PDB file of N, CA and C in Angstrom:
ATOM      1  N   MET A   1     114.023  89.052  91.317  1.00  0.00           N
ATOM      2  CA  MET A   1     114.485  90.397  91.619  1.00  0.00           C
ATOM      3  C   MET A   1     114.643  91.138  90.301  1.00  0.00           C
ATOM      4  N   SER A   2     113.840  92.155  90.082  1.00  0.00           N
ATOM      5  CA  SER A   2     113.878  92.880  88.818  1.00  0.00           C
ATOM      6  C   SER A   2     114.333  94.325  89.011  1.00  0.00           C
ATOM      7  N   PHE A   3     115.317  94.495  89.872  1.00  0.00           N
ATOM      8  CA  PHE A   3     115.862  95.832  90.090  1.00  0.00           C
ATOM      9  C   PHE A   3     117.378  95.765  90.116  1.00  0.00           C
ATOM     10  N   GLN A   4     117.970  96.930  89.887  1.00  0.00           N
ATOM     11  CA  GLN A   4     119.420  97.063  89.982  1.00  0.00           C
ATOM     12  C   GLN A   4     119.725  97.666  91.351  1.00  0.00           C
ATOM     13  N   LEU A   5     120.586  97.018  92.123  1.00  0.00           N
ATOM     14  CA  LEU A   5     120.965  97.497  93.450  1.00  0.00           C
ATOM     15  C   LEU A   5     122.272  98.267  93.340  1.00  0.00           C
ATOM     16  N   ILE A   6     122.244  99.508  93.809  1.00  0.00           N
ATOM     17  CA  ILE A   6     123.429 100.365  93.790  1.00  0.00           C
ATOM     18  C   ILE A   6     123.754 100.740  95.224  1.00  0.00           C
ATOM     19  N   GLN A   7     124.928 100.354  95.683  1.00  0.00           N
ATOM     20  CA  GLN A   7     125.366 100.658  97.044  1.00  0.00           C
ATOM     21  C   GLN A   7     126.027 102.028  97.067  1.00  0.00           C
ATOM     22  N   LEU A   8     125.504 102.924  97.898  1.00  0.00           N
ATOM     23  CA  LEU A   8     126.078 104.252  98.059  1.00  0.00           C
ATOM     24  C   LEU A   8     127.072 104.226  99.214  1.00  0.00           C
ATOM     25  N   GLU A   9     128.204 104.850  99.024  1.00  0.00           N
ATOM     26  CA  GLU A   9     129.257 104.835 100.044  1.00  0.00           C
ATOM     27  C   GLU A   9     129.047 105.901 101.113  1.00  0.00           C
ATOM     28  N   ASN A  10     128.477 107.044 100.743  1.00  0.00           N
ATOM     29  CA  ASN A  10     128.310 108.157 101.673  1.00  0.00           C
ATOM     30  C   ASN A  10     126.863 108.209 102.150  1.00  0.00           C
ATOM     31  N   ASN A  11     126.629 107.812 103.391  1.00  0.00           N
ATOM     32  CA  ASN A  11     125.253 107.783 103.897  1.00  0.00           C
ATOM     33  C   ASN A  11     124.732 109.163 104.280  1.00  0.00           C
ATOM     34  N   GLN A  12     125.542 110.176 104.209  1.00  0.00           N
ATOM     35  CA  GLN A  12     125.113 111.547 104.511  1.00  0.00           C
ATOM     36  C   GLN A  12     124.863 112.360 103.242  1.00  0.00           C
ATOM     37  N   ALA A  13     125.105 111.784 102.083  1.00  0.00           N
ATOM     38  CA  ALA A  13     124.876 112.493 100.819  1.00  0.00           C
ATOM     39  C   ALA A  13     123.395 112.451 100.462  1.00  0.00           C
ATOM     40  N   ASN A  14     122.924 113.501  99.811  1.00  0.00           N
ATOM     41  CA  ASN A  14     121.561 113.501  99.296  1.00  0.00           C
ATOM     42  C   ASN A  14     121.429 112.398  98.251  1.00  0.00           C
ATOM     43  N   VAL A  15     120.227 111.837  98.117  1.00  0.00           N
ATOM     44  CA  VAL A  15     119.939 110.868  97.058  1.00  0.00           C
ATOM     45  C   VAL A  15     119.098 111.589  96.015  1.00  0.00           C
ATOM     46  N   THR A  16     119.611 111.631  94.800  1.00  0.00           N
ATOM     47  CA  THR A  16     118.985 112.374  93.719  1.00  0.00           C
ATOM     48  C   THR A  16     118.380 111.415  92.711  1.00  0.00           C
ATOM     49  N   CYS A  17     117.147 111.695  92.290  1.00  0.00           N
ATOM     50  CA  CYS A  17     116.482 110.886  91.274  1.00  0.00           C
ATOM     51  C   CYS A  17     117.257 111.009  89.962  1.00  0.00           C
ATOM     52  N   PRO A  18     117.622 109.886  89.337  1.00  0.00           N
ATOM     53  CA  PRO A  18     118.364 109.957  88.076  1.00  0.00           C
ATOM     54  C   PRO A  18     117.494 110.373  86.887  1.00  0.00           C
ATOM     55  N   TYR A  19     116.186 110.451  87.091  1.00  0.00           N
ATOM     56  CA  TYR A  19     115.263 110.756  85.996  1.00  0.00           C
ATOM     57  C   TYR A  19     114.840 112.228  85.970  1.00  0.00           C
ATOM     58  N   CYS A  20     114.492 112.795  87.126  1.00  0.00           N
ATOM     59  CA  CYS A  20     114.055 114.202  87.169  1.00  0.00           C
ATOM     60  C   CYS A  20     115.046 115.086  87.924  1.00  0.00           C
ATOM     61  N   HIS A  21     116.040 114.486  88.563  1.00  0.00           N
ATOM     62  CA  HIS A  21     117.134 115.180  89.261  1.00  0.00           C
ATOM     63  C   HIS A  21     116.704 115.913  90.530  1.00  0.00           C
ATOM     64  N   GLN A  22     115.568 115.519  91.084  1.00  0.00           N
ATOM     65  CA  GLN A  22     115.146 116.058  92.379  1.00  0.00           C
ATOM     66  C   GLN A  22     115.821 115.255  93.488  1.00  0.00           C
ATOM     67  N   ASP A  23     116.240 115.927  94.563  1.00  0.00           N
ATOM     68  CA  ASP A  23     116.760 115.224  95.738  1.00  0.00           C
ATOM     69  C   ASP A  23     115.589 114.596  96.470  1.00  0.00           C
ATOM     70  N   VAL A  24     115.529 113.268  96.507  1.00  0.00           N
ATOM     71  CA  VAL A  24     114.439 112.580  97.207  1.00  0.00           C
ATOM     72  C   VAL A  24     114.782 112.360  98.678  1.00  0.00           C
ATOM     73  N   LEU A  25     116.055 112.348  98.989  1.00  0.00           N
ATOM     74  CA  LEU A  25     116.540 112.456 100.369  1.00  0.00           C
ATOM     75  C   LEU A  25     117.403 113.705 100.397  1.00  0.00           C
ATOM     76  N   ASP A  26     116.926 114.713 101.094  1.00  0.00           N
ATOM     77  CA  ASP A  26     117.619 116.002 101.139  1.00  0.00           C
ATOM     78  C   ASP A  26     117.908 116.342 102.590  1.00  0.00           C
ATOM     79  N   TRP A  27     119.133 116.115 103.006  1.00  0.00           N
ATOM     80  CA  TRP A  27     119.519 116.280 104.405  1.00  0.00           C
ATOM     81  C   TRP A  27     119.531 117.739 104.845  1.00  0.00           C
ATOM     82  N   ASN A  28     119.389 118.688 103.893  1.00  0.00           N
ATOM     83  CA  ASN A  28     119.340 120.112 104.238  1.00  0.00           C
ATOM     84  C   ASN A  28     117.933 120.556 104.618  1.00  0.00           C
ATOM     85  N   GLN A  29     116.951 119.699 104.433  1.00  0.00           N
ATOM     86  CA  GLN A  29     115.562 120.019 104.732  1.00  0.00           C
ATOM     87  C   GLN A  29     115.141 119.378 106.064  1.00  0.00           C
ATOM     88  N   GLU A  30     114.293 120.065 106.814  1.00  0.00           N
ATOM     89  CA  GLU A  30     113.773 119.490 108.054  1.00  0.00           C
ATOM     90  C   GLU A  30     113.006 118.203 107.746  1.00  0.00           C
ATOM     91  N   GLN A  31     112.160 118.251 106.720  1.00  0.00           N
ATOM     92  CA  GLN A  31     111.480 117.053 106.211  1.00  0.00           C
ATOM     93  C   GLN A  31     112.374 116.502 105.104  1.00  0.00           C
ATOM     94  N   TYR A  32     113.349 115.680 105.475  1.00  0.00           N
ATOM     95  CA  TYR A  32     114.374 115.249 104.532  1.00  0.00           C
ATOM     96  C   TYR A  32     113.863 114.282 103.466  1.00  0.00           C
ATOM     97  N   ILE A  33     112.725 113.646 103.685  1.00  0.00           N
ATOM     98  CA  ILE A  33     112.145 112.758 102.675  1.00  0.00           C
ATOM     99  C   ILE A  33     111.312 113.613 101.720  1.00  0.00           C
ATOM    100  N   GLN A  34     111.755 113.687 100.464  1.00  0.00           N
ATOM    101  CA  GLN A  34     111.137 114.538  99.454  1.00  0.00           C
ATOM    102  C   GLN A  34     110.846 113.717  98.198  1.00  0.00           C
ATOM    103  N   PRO A  35     109.873 112.788  98.239  1.00  0.00           N
ATOM    104  CA  PRO A  35     109.649 111.919  97.077  1.00  0.00           C
ATOM    105  C   PRO A  35     109.273 112.716  95.832  1.00  0.00           C
ATOM    106  N   CYS A  36     109.769 112.252  94.705  1.00  0.00           N
ATOM    107  CA  CYS A  36     109.394 112.820  93.414  1.00  0.00           C
ATOM    108  C   CYS A  36     108.406 111.859  92.745  1.00  0.00           C
ATOM    109  N   THR A  37     108.026 112.159  91.531  1.00  0.00           N
ATOM    110  CA  THR A  37     107.039 111.318  90.839  1.00  0.00           C
ATOM    111  C   THR A  37     107.600 109.961  90.445  1.00  0.00           C
ATOM    112  N   HIS A  38     108.904 109.755  90.581  1.00  0.00           N
ATOM    113  CA  HIS A  38     109.538 108.481  90.240  1.00  0.00           C
ATOM    114  C   HIS A  38     109.824 107.608  91.464  1.00  0.00           C
ATOM    115  N   THR A  39     109.531 108.112  92.661  1.00  0.00           N
ATOM    116  CA  THR A  39     109.874 107.413  93.902  1.00  0.00           C
ATOM    117  C   THR A  39     108.884 106.286  94.170  1.00  0.00           C
ATOM    118  N   LEU A  40     109.401 105.075  94.231  1.00  0.00           N
ATOM    119  CA  LEU A  40     108.588 103.910  94.567  1.00  0.00           C
ATOM    120  C   LEU A  40     108.490 103.743  96.074  1.00  0.00           C
ATOM    121  N   PHE A  41     109.614 103.877  96.762  1.00  0.00           N
ATOM    122  CA  PHE A  41     109.635 103.732  98.220  1.00  0.00           C
ATOM    123  C   PHE A  41     110.910 104.320  98.783  1.00  0.00           C
ATOM    124  N   ILE A  42     110.845 104.640 100.056  1.00  0.00           N
ATOM    125  CA  ILE A  42     112.002 104.968 100.875  1.00  0.00           C
ATOM    126  C   ILE A  42     111.817 104.156 102.141  1.00  0.00           C
ATOM    127  N   ALA A  43     112.807 103.332 102.468  1.00  0.00           N
ATOM    128  CA  ALA A  43     112.663 102.422 103.607  1.00  0.00           C
ATOM    129  C   ALA A  43     113.988 102.270 104.328  1.00  0.00           C
ATOM    130  N   ILE A  44     113.895 101.835 105.553  1.00  0.00           N
ATOM    131  CA  ILE A  44     115.065 101.384 106.301  1.00  0.00           C
ATOM    132  C   ILE A  44     114.762  99.965 106.766  1.00  0.00           C
ATOM    133  N   ASP A  45     115.759  99.285 107.260  1.00  0.00           N
ATOM    134  CA  ASP A  45     115.550  97.894 107.683  1.00  0.00           C
ATOM    135  C   ASP A  45     114.451  97.754 108.731  1.00  0.00           C
ATOM    136  N   LEU A  46     114.076  98.829 109.385  1.00  0.00           N
ATOM    137  CA  LEU A  46     113.036  98.790 110.420  1.00  0.00           C
ATOM    138  C   LEU A  46     111.633  99.014 109.867  1.00  0.00           C
ATOM    139  N   GLY A  47     111.508  99.393 108.598  1.00  0.00           N
ATOM    140  CA  GLY A  47     110.193  99.608 108.006  1.00  0.00           C
ATOM    141  C   GLY A  47     110.225 100.629 106.890  1.00  0.00           C
ATOM    142  N   PHE A  48     109.056 100.899 106.327  1.00  0.00           N
ATOM    143  CA  PHE A  48     108.921 101.823 105.208  1.00  0.00           C
ATOM    144  C   PHE A  48     108.647 103.229 105.723  1.00  0.00           C
ATOM    145  N   GLU A  49     109.398 104.201 105.206  1.00  0.00           N
ATOM    146  CA  GLU A  49     109.186 105.607 105.540  1.00  0.00           C
ATOM    147  C   GLU A  49     108.233 106.258 104.536  1.00  0.00           C
ATOM    148  N   TYR A  50     108.267 105.781 103.311  1.00  0.00           N
ATOM    149  CA  TYR A  50     107.378 106.260 102.241  1.00  0.00           C
ATOM    150  C   TYR A  50     107.201 105.104 101.257  1.00  0.00           C
ATOM    151  N   ILE A  51     105.991 104.961 100.716  1.00  0.00           N
ATOM    152  CA  ILE A  51     105.765 103.964  99.666  1.00  0.00           C
ATOM    153  C   ILE A  51     104.651 104.465  98.753  1.00  0.00           C
ATOM    154  N   SER A  52     104.843 104.303  97.449  1.00  0.00           N
ATOM    155  CA  SER A  52     103.791 104.680  96.501  1.00  0.00           C
ATOM    156  C   SER A  52     102.747 103.568  96.461  1.00  0.00           C
ATOM    157  N   HIS A  53     101.511 103.937  96.189  1.00  0.00           N
ATOM    158  CA  HIS A  53     100.437 102.946  96.082  1.00  0.00           C
ATOM    159  C   HIS A  53     100.709 101.971  94.936  1.00  0.00           C
ATOM    160  N   VAL A  54     101.297 102.484  93.867  1.00  0.00           N
ATOM    161  CA  VAL A  54     101.601 101.645  92.700  1.00  0.00           C
ATOM    162  C   VAL A  54     102.563 100.523  93.094  1.00  0.00           C
ATOM    163  N   TYR A  55     103.617 100.869  93.834  1.00  0.00           N
ATOM    164  CA  TYR A  55     104.593  99.853  94.238  1.00  0.00           C
ATOM    165  C   TYR A  55     103.998  98.902  95.277  1.00  0.00           C
ATOM    166  N   GLU A  56     103.292  99.438  96.250  1.00  0.00           N
ATOM    167  CA  GLU A  56     102.729  98.584  97.305  1.00  0.00           C
ATOM    168  C   GLU A  56     101.798  97.524  96.721  1.00  0.00           C
ATOM    169  N   ALA A  57     101.089  97.867  95.655  1.00  0.00           N
ATOM    170  CA  ALA A  57     100.169  96.912  95.019  1.00  0.00           C
ATOM    171  C   ALA A  57     100.897  95.717  94.411  1.00  0.00           C
ATOM    172  N   THR A  58     102.210  95.827  94.193  1.00  0.00           N
ATOM    173  CA  THR A  58     102.984  94.719  93.603  1.00  0.00           C
ATOM    174  C   THR A  58     103.677  93.858  94.664  1.00  0.00           C
ATOM    175  N   MET A  59     103.529  94.233  95.927  1.00  0.00           N
ATOM    176  CA  MET A  59     104.209  93.509  97.000  1.00  0.00           C
ATOM    177  C   MET A  59     103.392  92.305  97.455  1.00  0.00           C
ATOM    178  N   GLN A  60     104.080  91.332  98.032  1.00  0.00           N
ATOM    179  CA  GLN A  60     103.433  90.134  98.552  1.00  0.00           C
ATOM    180  C   GLN A  60     102.523  90.459  99.736  1.00  0.00           C
ATOM    181  N   ARG A  61     102.944  91.417 100.571  1.00  0.00           N
ATOM    182  CA  ARG A  61     102.181  91.829 101.752  1.00  0.00           C
ATOM    183  C   ARG A  61     102.073  93.348 101.764  1.00  0.00           C
ATOM    184  N   SER A  62     101.008  93.862 102.357  1.00  0.00           N
ATOM    185  CA  SER A  62     100.862  95.314 102.471  1.00  0.00           C
ATOM    186  C   SER A  62     101.841  95.837 103.528  1.00  0.00           C
ATOM    187  N   VAL A  63     102.097  97.119 103.461  1.00  0.00           N
ATOM    188  CA  VAL A  63     102.970  97.741 104.459  1.00  0.00           C
ATOM    189  C   VAL A  63     102.351  97.618 105.846  1.00  0.00           C
ATOM    190  N   ASP A  64     101.030  97.727 105.939  1.00  0.00           N
ATOM    191  CA  ASP A  64     100.373  97.551 107.239  1.00  0.00           C
ATOM    192  C   ASP A  64     100.643  96.164 107.807  1.00  0.00           C
ATOM    193  N   ASP A  65     100.572  95.128 106.976  1.00  0.00           N
ATOM    194  CA  ASP A  65     100.878  93.760 107.430  1.00  0.00           C
ATOM    195  C   ASP A  65     102.336  93.637 107.855  1.00  0.00           C
ATOM    196  N   ILE A  66     103.217  94.224 107.077  1.00  0.00           N
ATOM    197  CA  ILE A  66     104.651  94.160 107.392  1.00  0.00           C
ATOM    198  C   ILE A  66     104.922  94.839 108.728  1.00  0.00           C
ATOM    199  N   HIS A  67     104.373  96.036 108.919  1.00  0.00           N
ATOM    200  CA  HIS A  67     104.618  96.786 110.157  1.00  0.00           C
ATOM    201  C   HIS A  67     103.898  96.175 111.353  1.00  0.00           C
ATOM    202  N   ALA A  68     102.808  95.467 111.123  1.00  0.00           N
ATOM    203  CA  ALA A  68     102.081  94.813 112.224  1.00  0.00           C
ATOM    204  C   ALA A  68     102.914  93.689 112.839  1.00  0.00           C
ATOM    205  N   ASN A  69     103.802  93.125 112.052  1.00  0.00           N
ATOM    206  CA  ASN A  69     104.694  92.053 112.524  1.00  0.00           C
ATOM    207  C   ASN A  69     106.123  92.561 112.567  1.00  0.00           C
ATOM    208  N   ASP A  70     106.329  93.735 113.165  1.00  0.00           N
ATOM    209  CA  ASP A  70     107.630  94.375 113.051  1.00  0.00           C
ATOM    210  C   ASP A  70     108.755  93.704 113.825  1.00  0.00           C
ATOM    211  N   ASP A  71     108.460  92.651 114.570  1.00  0.00           N
ATOM    212  CA  ASP A  71     109.546  91.879 115.172  1.00  0.00           C
ATOM    213  C   ASP A  71     110.249  91.030 114.120  1.00  0.00           C
ATOM    214  N   ASN A  72     109.570  90.788 113.004  1.00  0.00           N
ATOM    215  CA  ASN A  72     110.104  89.916 111.956  1.00  0.00           C
ATOM    216  C   ASN A  72     110.286  90.633 110.623  1.00  0.00           C
ATOM    217  N   ILE A  73     110.482  91.936 110.637  1.00  0.00           N
ATOM    218  CA  ILE A  73     110.617  92.686 109.380  1.00  0.00           C
ATOM    219  C   ILE A  73     111.930  92.346 108.693  1.00  0.00           C
ATOM    220  N   ASP A  74     111.826  92.070 107.405  1.00  0.00           N
ATOM    221  CA  ASP A  74     112.988  91.930 106.531  1.00  0.00           C
ATOM    222  C   ASP A  74     112.667  92.757 105.282  1.00  0.00           C
ATOM    223  N   VAL A  75     112.929  94.047 105.361  1.00  0.00           N
ATOM    224  CA  VAL A  75     112.536  94.974 104.304  1.00  0.00           C
ATOM    225  C   VAL A  75     113.166  94.584 102.971  1.00  0.00           C
ATOM    226  N   PHE A  76     114.422  94.184 102.977  1.00  0.00           N
ATOM    227  CA  PHE A  76     115.054  93.820 101.709  1.00  0.00           C
ATOM    228  C   PHE A  76     114.350  92.616 101.077  1.00  0.00           C
ATOM    229  N   HIS A  77     113.933  91.662 101.883  1.00  0.00           N
ATOM    230  CA  HIS A  77     113.171  90.517 101.349  1.00  0.00           C
ATOM    231  C   HIS A  77     111.844  90.993 100.762  1.00  0.00           C
ATOM    232  N   GLU A  78     111.153  91.882 101.453  1.00  0.00           N
ATOM    233  CA  GLU A  78     109.876  92.397 100.953  1.00  0.00           C
ATOM    234  C   GLU A  78     110.071  93.117  99.625  1.00  0.00           C
ATOM    235  N   ILE A  79     111.123  93.925  99.525  1.00  0.00           N
ATOM    236  CA  ILE A  79     111.434  94.618  98.272  1.00  0.00           C
ATOM    237  C   ILE A  79     111.762  93.603  97.174  1.00  0.00           C
ATOM    238  N   SER A  80     112.576  92.630  97.511  1.00  0.00           N
ATOM    239  CA  SER A  80     113.020  91.627  96.532  1.00  0.00           C
ATOM    240  C   SER A  80     111.878  90.764  96.005  1.00  0.00           C
ATOM    241  N   SER A  81     110.828  90.587  96.777  1.00  0.00           N
ATOM    242  CA  SER A  81     109.731  89.714  96.349  1.00  0.00           C
ATOM    243  C   SER A  81     108.587  90.467  95.671  1.00  0.00           C
ATOM    244  N   ALA A  82     108.706  91.789  95.517  1.00  0.00           N
ATOM    245  CA  ALA A  82     107.674  92.562  94.807  1.00  0.00           C
ATOM    246  C   ALA A  82     107.726  92.247  93.320  1.00  0.00           C
ATOM    247  N   ASP A  83     106.588  92.413  92.647  1.00  0.00           N
ATOM    248  CA  ASP A  83     106.484  92.102  91.219  1.00  0.00           C
ATOM    249  C   ASP A  83     106.723  93.300  90.308  1.00  0.00           C
ATOM    250  N   TYR A  84     107.137  94.423  90.840  1.00  0.00           N
ATOM    251  CA  TYR A  84     107.393  95.612  90.023  1.00  0.00           C
ATOM    252  C   TYR A  84     108.652  95.373  89.190  1.00  0.00           C
ATOM    253  N   ALA A  85     108.624  95.763  87.935  1.00  0.00           N
ATOM    254  CA  ALA A  85     109.749  95.491  87.030  1.00  0.00           C
ATOM    255  C   ALA A  85     110.556  96.753  86.728  1.00  0.00           C
ATOM    256  N   ASP A  86     111.830  96.549  86.552  1.00  0.00           N
ATOM    257  CA  ASP A  86     112.737  97.571  86.018  1.00  0.00           C
ATOM    258  C   ASP A  86     112.802  98.848  86.841  1.00  0.00           C
ATOM    259  N   TYR A  87     113.493  98.771  87.950  1.00  0.00           N
ATOM    260  CA  TYR A  87     113.723  99.948  88.763  1.00  0.00           C
ATOM    261  C   TYR A  87     115.090  99.861  89.417  1.00  0.00           C
ATOM    262  N   VAL A  88     115.494 100.942  90.046  1.00  0.00           N
ATOM    263  CA  VAL A  88     116.794 101.054  90.689  1.00  0.00           C
ATOM    264  C   VAL A  88     116.570 101.201  92.189  1.00  0.00           C
ATOM    265  N   VAL A  89     117.369 100.500  92.982  1.00  0.00           N
ATOM    266  CA  VAL A  89     117.345 100.646  94.438  1.00  0.00           C
ATOM    267  C   VAL A  89     118.715 101.138  94.878  1.00  0.00           C
ATOM    268  N   TYR A  90     118.720 102.303  95.502  1.00  0.00           N
ATOM    269  CA  TYR A  90     119.938 102.815  96.115  1.00  0.00           C
ATOM    270  C   TYR A  90     119.939 102.378  97.569  1.00  0.00           C
ATOM    271  N   SER A  91     121.054 101.830  98.005  1.00  0.00           N
ATOM    272  CA  SER A  91     121.184 101.346  99.376  1.00  0.00           C
ATOM    273  C   SER A  91     122.373 102.039 100.030  1.00  0.00           C
ATOM    274  N   SER A  92     122.183 102.421 101.294  1.00  0.00           N
ATOM    275  CA  SER A  92     123.298 103.009 102.039  1.00  0.00           C
ATOM    276  C   SER A  92     123.186 102.599 103.497  1.00  0.00           C
ATOM    277  N   ALA A  93     124.328 102.522 104.136  1.00  0.00           N
ATOM    278  CA  ALA A  93     124.364 102.187 105.556  1.00  0.00           C
ATOM    279  C   ALA A  93     123.821 103.364 106.361  1.00  0.00           C
ATOM    280  N   LEU A  94     123.076 103.049 107.420  1.00  0.00           N
ATOM    281  CA  LEU A  94     122.594 104.102 108.313  1.00  0.00           C
ATOM    282  C   LEU A  94     123.671 104.528 109.304  1.00  0.00           C
ATOM    283  N   GLY A  95     124.663 103.682 109.496  1.00  0.00           N
ATOM    284  CA  GLY A  95     125.705 103.986 110.462  1.00  0.00           C
ATOM    285  C   GLY A  95     125.360 103.523 111.862  1.00  0.00           C
ATOM    286  N   VAL A  96     124.262 102.775 111.985  1.00  0.00           N
ATOM    287  CA  VAL A  96     123.810 102.268 113.278  1.00  0.00           C
ATOM    288  C   VAL A  96     123.471 100.788 113.128  1.00  0.00           C
ATOM    289  N   ALA A  97     124.073  99.957 113.941  1.00  0.00           N
ATOM    290  CA  ALA A  97     123.703  98.540 114.075  1.00  0.00           C
ATOM    291  C   ALA A  97     123.546  97.812 112.738  1.00  0.00           C
ATOM    292  N   ASP A  98     124.393  98.100 111.772  1.00  0.00           N
ATOM    293  CA  ASP A  98     124.360  97.440 110.461  1.00  0.00           C
ATOM    294  C   ASP A  98     123.032  97.607 109.726  1.00  0.00           C
ATOM    295  N   LEU A  99     122.296  98.666 110.010  1.00  0.00           N
ATOM    296  CA  LEU A  99     121.033  98.925 109.325  1.00  0.00           C
ATOM    297  C   LEU A  99     121.286  99.628 107.996  1.00  0.00           C
ATOM    298  N   GLN A 100     120.376  99.413 107.043  1.00  0.00           N
ATOM    299  CA  GLN A 100     120.471  99.990 105.708  1.00  0.00           C
ATOM    300  C   GLN A 100     119.248 100.854 105.412  1.00  0.00           C
ATOM    301  N   ARG A 101     119.406 101.806 104.504  1.00  0.00           N
ATOM    302  CA  ARG A 101     118.294 102.575 103.940  1.00  0.00           C
ATOM    303  C   ARG A 101     118.211 102.188 102.469  1.00  0.00           C
ATOM    304  N   TYR A 102     116.982 102.087 101.946  1.00  0.00           N
ATOM    305  CA  TYR A 102     116.729 101.727 100.556  1.00  0.00           C
ATOM    306  C   TYR A 102     115.829 102.777  99.923  1.00  0.00           C
ATOM    307  N   VAL A 103     116.209 103.228  98.726  1.00  0.00           N
ATOM    308  CA  VAL A 103     115.409 104.183  97.968  1.00  0.00           C
ATOM    309  C   VAL A 103     115.168 103.567  96.600  1.00  0.00           C
ATOM    310  N   GLY A 104     113.900 103.302  96.279  1.00  0.00           N
ATOM    311  CA  GLY A 104     113.535 102.712  94.988  1.00  0.00           C
ATOM    312  C   GLY A 104     112.991 103.766  94.043  1.00  0.00           C
ATOM    313  N   LEU A 105     113.552 103.811  92.831  1.00  0.00           N
ATOM    314  CA  LEU A 105     113.159 104.795  91.830  1.00  0.00           C
ATOM    315  C   LEU A 105     112.906 104.112  90.493  1.00  0.00           C
ATOM    316  N   SER A 106     111.912 104.609  89.782  1.00  0.00           N
ATOM    317  CA  SER A 106     111.513 104.038  88.493  1.00  0.00           C
ATOM    318  C   SER A 106     111.524 105.120  87.428  1.00  0.00           C
ATOM    319  N   ALA A 107     111.859 104.738  86.197  1.00  0.00           N
ATOM    320  CA  ALA A 107     111.802 105.691  85.087  1.00  0.00           C
ATOM    321  C   ALA A 107     110.361 106.112  84.810  1.00  0.00           C
ATOM    322  N   ARG A 108     109.421 105.223  85.161  1.00  0.00           N
ATOM    323  CA  ARG A 108     107.997 105.548  84.992  1.00  0.00           C
ATOM    324  C   ARG A 108     107.507 106.391  86.154  1.00  0.00           C
ATOM    325  N   GLU A 109     106.699 107.390  85.889  1.00  0.00           N
ATOM    326  CA  GLU A 109     106.124 108.174  86.963  1.00  0.00           C
ATOM    327  C   GLU A 109     105.072 107.366  87.694  1.00  0.00           C
ATOM    328  N   VAL A 110     105.088 107.409  89.012  1.00  0.00           N
ATOM    329  CA  VAL A 110     104.166 106.605  89.818  1.00  0.00           C
ATOM    330  C   VAL A 110     103.245 107.455  90.694  1.00  0.00           C
ATOM    331  N   MET A 111     103.377 108.759  90.623  1.00  0.00           N
ATOM    332  CA  MET A 111     102.506 109.646  91.416  1.00  0.00           C
ATOM    333  C   MET A 111     101.724 110.529  90.488  1.00  0.00           C
TER     334      MET A 111
END
């Protein structure tokens, strides 16, 4: 595991990139997922909502493979087993059935 996990307490707060200061989750927008050039992925325990090609190339399985077997998805395991180095994962509770949201950000631009 080559990332720092930061647990966010407020699941309704916007998630802001620490590098470019863009809100990558902006609850004031209809399309609340707003990836910036530092966004590696945005996921929930049920699957990936957004993923950069750069990050997906470092994963053990493709997102298509993961979603094809969605009865057995363990998104945190998939994130933990990727070979991408030095990034931050923000995690927050969804407020439903103990599900989590994960936002991965890197100091390196990936888009």
